[in-house]
Amino acid sequence: MSRISLAFRSFFGILFSGELAADIASAFGYAKPVKEKPAPPPPPPAKPSDGALQILGILQRDARLVDFLMEDISAYSDDQVGAAVRSLHEQCKASLERYVTLSPAIDGVEGTFANASAAGSAQAVKFIGNVPAGPPPKGGTLRHRGWKASQVDLPNIGPKQDMAIIAPAEIEIE
């Protein structure tokens, strides 16, 4: 009786699902080793350039900064360039403030004496002018306060997002 039930199960299994039941196949030596699907490769790790390209993409998206920088502006008058730069400046500033909190590297008044140690890091100071050879000076006249990012809050990058694409091409359908 068990052979008749195995025959019926085999017949109807193959007829309706196209496969022989696993227990029947293994009982008669027809079991195929089950190949496991390989795990999908992990997403590539984030590269240091990804954040820079992401910021550039945001500035392009919100203010068309890359378009402006790549355009030849020599044919335009200073008034025309100035008018374009005013709105570009506002849009870029708003985008930057949305994702990055900036603060001065040295919080001092430009044109006054500043201690280099006020920056907290040797990398936060660049000496200019008549810099003596040997150990760096302790301070000098502050010409630019510098900038440091005190907080960065960029949106997450999708796993399939190509960071090399700063702005996709736009094709209008008419």
C-alpha atoms as a PDB file:
ATOM      1  CA  MET A   1       0.000   0.000   0.000  1.00  0.00           C
ATOM      2  CA  SER A   2       2.818   2.402   0.745  1.00  0.00           C
ATOM      3  CA  ARG A   3       4.223   1.987  -2.783  1.00  0.00           C
ATOM      4  CA  ILE A   4       0.849   2.915  -4.268  1.00  0.00           C
ATOM      5  CA  SER A   5       0.673   6.054  -2.106  1.00  0.00           C
ATOM      6  CA  LEU A   6       4.270   6.939  -3.055  1.00  0.00           C
ATOM      7  CA  ALA A   7       3.377   6.486  -6.728  1.00  0.00           C
ATOM      8  CA  PHE A   8       0.306   8.721  -6.453  1.00  0.00           C
ATOM      9  CA  ARG A   9       2.212  11.374  -4.481  1.00  0.00           C
ATOM     10  CA  SER A  10       5.037  11.289  -7.014  1.00  0.00           C
ATOM     11  CA  PHE A  11       2.687  11.464 -10.000  1.00  0.00           C
ATOM     12  CA  PHE A  12       0.618  14.361  -8.662  1.00  0.00           C
ATOM     13  CA  GLY A  13       3.652  16.198  -7.233  1.00  0.00           C
ATOM     14  CA  ILE A  14       5.342  16.182 -10.630  1.00  0.00           C
ATOM     15  CA  LEU A  15       2.088  16.979 -12.424  1.00  0.00           C
ATOM     16  CA  PHE A  16       1.131  20.012 -10.324  1.00  0.00           C
ATOM     17  CA  SER A  17       4.389  21.423  -8.969  1.00  0.00           C
ATOM     18  CA  GLY A  18       6.918  20.024 -11.415  1.00  0.00           C
ATOM     19  CA  GLU A  19       8.971  18.518  -8.601  1.00  0.00           C
ATOM     20  CA  LEU A  20       9.300  15.226  -6.833  1.00  0.00           C
ATOM     21  CA  ALA A  21       8.661  15.511  -3.104  1.00  0.00           C
ATOM     22  CA  ALA A  22      11.939  15.732  -1.186  1.00  0.00           C
ATOM     23  CA  ASP A  23      11.195  12.759   1.108  1.00  0.00           C
ATOM     24  CA  ILE A  24      10.314  10.511  -1.860  1.00  0.00           C
ATOM     25  CA  ALA A  25      13.349  11.601  -3.863  1.00  0.00           C
ATOM     26  CA  SER A  26      15.730  10.953  -0.969  1.00  0.00           C
ATOM     27  CA  ALA A  27      14.084   7.536  -0.247  1.00  0.00           C
ATOM     28  CA  PHE A  28      14.873   6.373  -3.786  1.00  0.00           C
ATOM     29  CA  GLY A  29      18.262   8.072  -4.113  1.00  0.00           C
ATOM     30  CA  TYR A  30      17.128  10.900  -6.398  1.00  0.00           C
ATOM     31  CA  ALA A  31      17.791  13.731  -3.974  1.00  0.00           C
ATOM     32  CA  LYS A  32      19.855  16.517  -5.424  1.00  0.00           C
ATOM     33  CA  PRO A  33      22.023  18.482  -3.092  1.00  0.00           C
ATOM     34  CA  VAL A  34      20.244  21.727  -2.367  1.00  0.00           C
ATOM     35  CA  LYS A  35      22.298  24.647  -3.500  1.00  0.00           C
ATOM     36  CA  GLU A  36      22.007  27.539  -1.133  1.00  0.00           C
ATOM     37  CA  LYS A  37      21.718  30.920  -2.709  1.00  0.00           C
ATOM     38  CA  PRO A  38      24.822  32.898  -1.947  1.00  0.00           C
ATOM     39  CA  ALA A  39      24.269  35.796   0.407  1.00  0.00           C
ATOM     40  CA  PRO A  40      24.103  39.102  -1.394  1.00  0.00           C
ATOM     41  CA  PRO A  41      27.360  40.996  -1.177  1.00  0.00           C
ATOM     42  CA  PRO A  42      27.428  43.606   1.568  1.00  0.00           C
ATOM     43  CA  PRO A  43      27.047  47.193   0.429  1.00  0.00           C
ATOM     44  CA  PRO A  44      30.379  48.832  -0.288  1.00  0.00           C
ATOM     45  CA  PRO A  45      31.764  50.725   2.690  1.00  0.00           C
ATOM     46  CA  ALA A  46      31.411  54.490   2.658  1.00  0.00           C
ATOM     47  CA  LYS A  47      34.442  56.277   1.252  1.00  0.00           C
ATOM     48  CA  PRO A  48      35.651  59.650   2.564  1.00  0.00           C
ATOM     49  CA  SER A  49      34.829  61.177  -0.809  1.00  0.00           C
ATOM     50  CA  ASP A  50      31.160  60.155  -0.509  1.00  0.00           C
ATOM     51  CA  GLY A  51      30.357  62.962   1.951  1.00  0.00           C
ATOM     52  CA  ALA A  52      32.126  65.552  -0.196  1.00  0.00           C
ATOM     53  CA  LEU A  53      30.283  64.411  -3.305  1.00  0.00           C
ATOM     54  CA  GLN A  54      27.021  64.345  -1.354  1.00  0.00           C
ATOM     55  CA  ILE A  55      27.490  67.980  -0.234  1.00  0.00           C
ATOM     56  CA  LEU A  56      28.373  68.964  -3.809  1.00  0.00           C
ATOM     57  CA  GLY A  57      25.234  67.184  -5.041  1.00  0.00           C
ATOM     58  CA  ILE A  58      23.106  69.013  -2.442  1.00  0.00           C
ATOM     59  CA  LEU A  59      24.549  72.386  -3.458  1.00  0.00           C
ATOM     60  CA  GLN A  60      23.862  71.536  -7.108  1.00  0.00           C
ATOM     61  CA  ARG A  61      20.317  70.369  -6.351  1.00  0.00           C
ATOM     62  CA  ASP A  62      19.400  73.375  -4.206  1.00  0.00           C
ATOM     63  CA  ALA A  63      21.377  76.195  -5.836  1.00  0.00           C
ATOM     64  CA  ARG A  64      22.780  74.919  -9.160  1.00  0.00           C
ATOM     65  CA  LEU A  65      26.295  75.675  -7.886  1.00  0.00           C
ATOM     66  CA  VAL A  66      28.094  73.257 -10.228  1.00  0.00           C
ATOM     67  CA  ASP A  67      26.197  74.661 -13.233  1.00  0.00           C
ATOM     68  CA  PHE A  68      27.320  78.169 -12.260  1.00  0.00           C
ATOM     69  CA  LEU A  69      30.954  77.155 -11.693  1.00  0.00           C
ATOM     70  CA  MET A  70      31.183  75.191 -14.953  1.00  0.00           C
ATOM     71  CA  GLU A  71      29.639  77.954 -17.070  1.00  0.00           C
ATOM     72  CA  ASP A  72      31.868  80.392 -18.957  1.00  0.00           C
ATOM     73  CA  ILE A  73      30.864  83.760 -17.473  1.00  0.00           C
ATOM     74  CA  SER A  74      33.360  85.896 -19.422  1.00  0.00           C
ATOM     75  CA  ALA A  75      30.631  87.065 -21.823  1.00  0.00           C
ATOM     76  CA  TYR A  76      28.482  88.477 -18.990  1.00  0.00           C
ATOM     77  CA  SER A  77      28.884  91.897 -17.420  1.00  0.00           C
ATOM     78  CA  ASP A  78      29.878  92.281 -13.779  1.00  0.00           C
ATOM     79  CA  ASP A  79      26.329  93.452 -13.000  1.00  0.00           C
ATOM     80  CA  GLN A  80      24.839  90.289 -14.496  1.00  0.00           C
ATOM     81  CA  VAL A  81      27.284  88.045 -12.637  1.00  0.00           C
ATOM     82  CA  GLY A  82      26.675  89.956  -9.406  1.00  0.00           C
ATOM     83  CA  ALA A  83      22.915  89.530  -9.708  1.00  0.00           C
ATOM     84  CA  ALA A  84      23.305  85.786 -10.309  1.00  0.00           C
ATOM     85  CA  VAL A  85      25.739  85.397  -7.425  1.00  0.00           C
ATOM     86  CA  ARG A  86      23.385  87.086  -4.936  1.00  0.00           C
ATOM     87  CA  SER A  87      20.688  84.406  -5.280  1.00  0.00           C
ATOM     88  CA  LEU A  88      23.314  81.646  -5.590  1.00  0.00           C
ATOM     89  CA  HIS A  89      24.876  82.823  -2.332  1.00  0.00           C
ATOM     90  CA  GLU A  90      21.544  82.781  -0.478  1.00  0.00           C
ATOM     91  CA  GLN A  91      20.619  79.307  -1.744  1.00  0.00           C
ATOM     92  CA  CYS A  92      24.050  77.784  -1.038  1.00  0.00           C
ATOM     93  CA  LYS A  93      24.138  79.298   2.454  1.00  0.00           C
ATOM     94  CA  ALA A  94      20.671  77.939   3.284  1.00  0.00           C
ATOM     95  CA  SER A  95      21.635  74.443   2.039  1.00  0.00           C
ATOM     96  CA  LEU A  96      24.904  74.436   3.937  1.00  0.00           C
ATOM     97  CA  GLU A  97      23.239  75.602   7.167  1.00  0.00           C
ATOM     98  CA  ARG A  98      20.625  72.851   6.806  1.00  0.00           C
ATOM     99  CA  TYR A  99      23.229  70.047   6.877  1.00  0.00           C
ATOM    100  CA  VAL A 100      26.395  71.461   8.497  1.00  0.00           C
ATOM    101  CA  THR A 101      26.842  73.556  11.635  1.00  0.00           C
ATOM    102  CA  LEU A 102      29.918  75.756  11.223  1.00  0.00           C
ATOM    103  CA  SER A 103      31.811  77.662  13.875  1.00  0.00           C
ATOM    104  CA  PRO A 104      35.027  79.720  13.786  1.00  0.00           C
ATOM    105  CA  ALA A 105      38.305  77.842  14.246  1.00  0.00           C
ATOM    106  CA  ILE A 106      39.444  80.749  16.466  1.00  0.00           C
ATOM    107  CA  ASP A 107      36.709  82.848  17.999  1.00  0.00           C
ATOM    108  CA  GLY A 108      38.463  86.207  17.916  1.00  0.00           C
ATOM    109  CA  VAL A 109      38.341  89.592  16.252  1.00  0.00           C
ATOM    110  CA  GLU A 110      40.148  89.775  12.923  1.00  0.00           C
ATOM    111  CA  GLY A 111      42.992  92.296  12.965  1.00  0.00           C
ATOM    112  CA  THR A 112      43.843  91.690  16.642  1.00  0.00           C
ATOM    113  CA  PHE A 113      46.449  89.438  18.295  1.00  0.00           C
ATOM    114  CA  ALA A 114      45.418  85.795  18.620  1.00  0.00           C
ATOM    115  CA  ASN A 115      47.106  82.889  20.367  1.00  0.00           C
ATOM    116  CA  ALA A 116      47.555  79.875  18.080  1.00  0.00           C
ATOM    117  CA  SER A 117      46.661  77.622  21.017  1.00  0.00           C
ATOM    118  CA  ALA A 118      43.137  79.130  21.026  1.00  0.00           C
ATOM    119  CA  ALA A 119      42.361  76.959  17.993  1.00  0.00           C
ATOM    120  CA  GLY A 120      42.880  73.808  20.041  1.00  0.00           C
ATOM    121  CA  SER A 121      44.670  71.999  17.208  1.00  0.00           C
ATOM    122  CA  ALA A 122      47.743  72.720  15.112  1.00  0.00           C
ATOM    123  CA  GLN A 123      45.736  71.741  12.017  1.00  0.00           C
ATOM    124  CA  ALA A 124      43.260  74.549  12.697  1.00  0.00           C
ATOM    125  CA  VAL A 125      45.949  77.237  12.236  1.00  0.00           C
ATOM    126  CA  LYS A 126      47.875  78.233   9.118  1.00  0.00           C
ATOM    127  CA  PHE A 127      50.634  80.791   9.591  1.00  0.00           C
ATOM    128  CA  ILE A 128      51.049  83.306   6.771  1.00  0.00           C
ATOM    129  CA  GLY A 129      53.489  86.161   6.136  1.00  0.00           C
ATOM    130  CA  ASN A 130      57.048  86.145   7.485  1.00  0.00           C
ATOM    131  CA  VAL A 131      56.926  82.779   9.226  1.00  0.00           C
ATOM    132  CA  PRO A 132      60.270  81.996  10.890  1.00  0.00           C
ATOM    133  CA  ALA A 133      61.986  78.652  10.373  1.00  0.00           C
ATOM    134  CA  GLY A 134      61.899  76.281  13.298  1.00  0.00           C
ATOM    135  CA  PRO A 135      59.120  75.894  15.835  1.00  0.00           C
ATOM    136  CA  PRO A 136      55.852  77.660  15.006  1.00  0.00           C
ATOM    137  CA  PRO A 137      55.198  81.011  16.662  1.00  0.00           C
ATOM    138  CA  LYS A 138      52.806  81.257  19.616  1.00  0.00           C
ATOM    139  CA  GLY A 139      50.510  83.721  17.859  1.00  0.00           C
ATOM    140  CA  GLY A 140      50.148  86.695  15.565  1.00  0.00           C
ATOM    141  CA  THR A 141      47.579  88.982  13.943  1.00  0.00           C
ATOM    142  CA  LEU A 142      44.361  87.123  13.172  1.00  0.00           C
ATOM    143  CA  ARG A 143      43.601  87.650   9.468  1.00  0.00           C
ATOM    144  CA  HIS A 144      40.869  84.999   9.091  1.00  0.00           C
ATOM    145  CA  ARG A 145      39.027  83.201  11.882  1.00  0.00           C
ATOM    146  CA  GLY A 146      38.801  79.974   9.859  1.00  0.00           C
ATOM    147  CA  TRP A 147      35.932  77.501   9.935  1.00  0.00           C
ATOM    148  CA  LYS A 148      35.354  74.129  11.493  1.00  0.00           C
ATOM    149  CA  ALA A 149      32.362  71.839  11.258  1.00  0.00           C
ATOM    150  CA  SER A 150      30.968  71.403  14.747  1.00  0.00           C
ATOM    151  CA  GLN A 151      28.142  69.164  13.493  1.00  0.00           C
ATOM    152  CA  VAL A 152      27.381  67.386  10.214  1.00  0.00           C
ATOM    153  CA  ASP A 153      23.948  65.888   9.614  1.00  0.00           C
ATOM    154  CA  LEU A 154      23.845  64.601   6.033  1.00  0.00           C
ATOM    155  CA  PRO A 155      20.981  62.366   4.865  1.00  0.00           C
ATOM    156  CA  ASN A 156      21.695  58.647   4.618  1.00  0.00           C
ATOM    157  CA  ILE A 157      23.079  57.467   1.297  1.00  0.00           C
ATOM    158  CA  GLY A 158      21.027  54.742  -0.375  1.00  0.00           C
ATOM    159  CA  PRO A 159      22.800  51.434  -1.027  1.00  0.00           C
ATOM    160  CA  LYS A 160      22.450  51.737  -4.792  1.00  0.00           C
ATOM    161  CA  GLN A 161      23.150  55.477  -5.032  1.00  0.00           C
ATOM    162  CA  ASP A 162      26.127  56.278  -7.270  1.00  0.00           C
ATOM    163  CA  MET A 163      27.918  59.108  -5.491  1.00  0.00           C
ATOM    164  CA  ALA A 164      29.830  60.019  -8.660  1.00  0.00           C
ATOM    165  CA  ILE A 165      26.570  61.367 -10.126  1.00  0.00           C
ATOM    166  CA  ILE A 166      26.449  64.915  -8.754  1.00  0.00           C
ATOM    167  CA  ALA A 167      23.324  65.756 -10.736  1.00  0.00           C
ATOM    168  CA  PRO A 168      21.556  63.476 -13.199  1.00  0.00           C
ATOM    169  CA  ALA A 169      20.961  64.655 -16.737  1.00  0.00           C
ATOM    170  CA  GLU A 170      17.493  66.087 -17.230  1.00  0.00           C
ATOM    171  CA  ILE A 171      15.514  65.037 -20.291  1.00  0.00           C
ATOM    172  CA  GLU A 172      12.196  66.733 -20.903  1.00  0.00           C
ATOM    173  CA  ILE A 173       9.426  64.725 -22.534  1.00  0.00           C
ATOM    174  CA  GLU A 174       7.176  66.843 -24.714  1.00  0.00           C
END
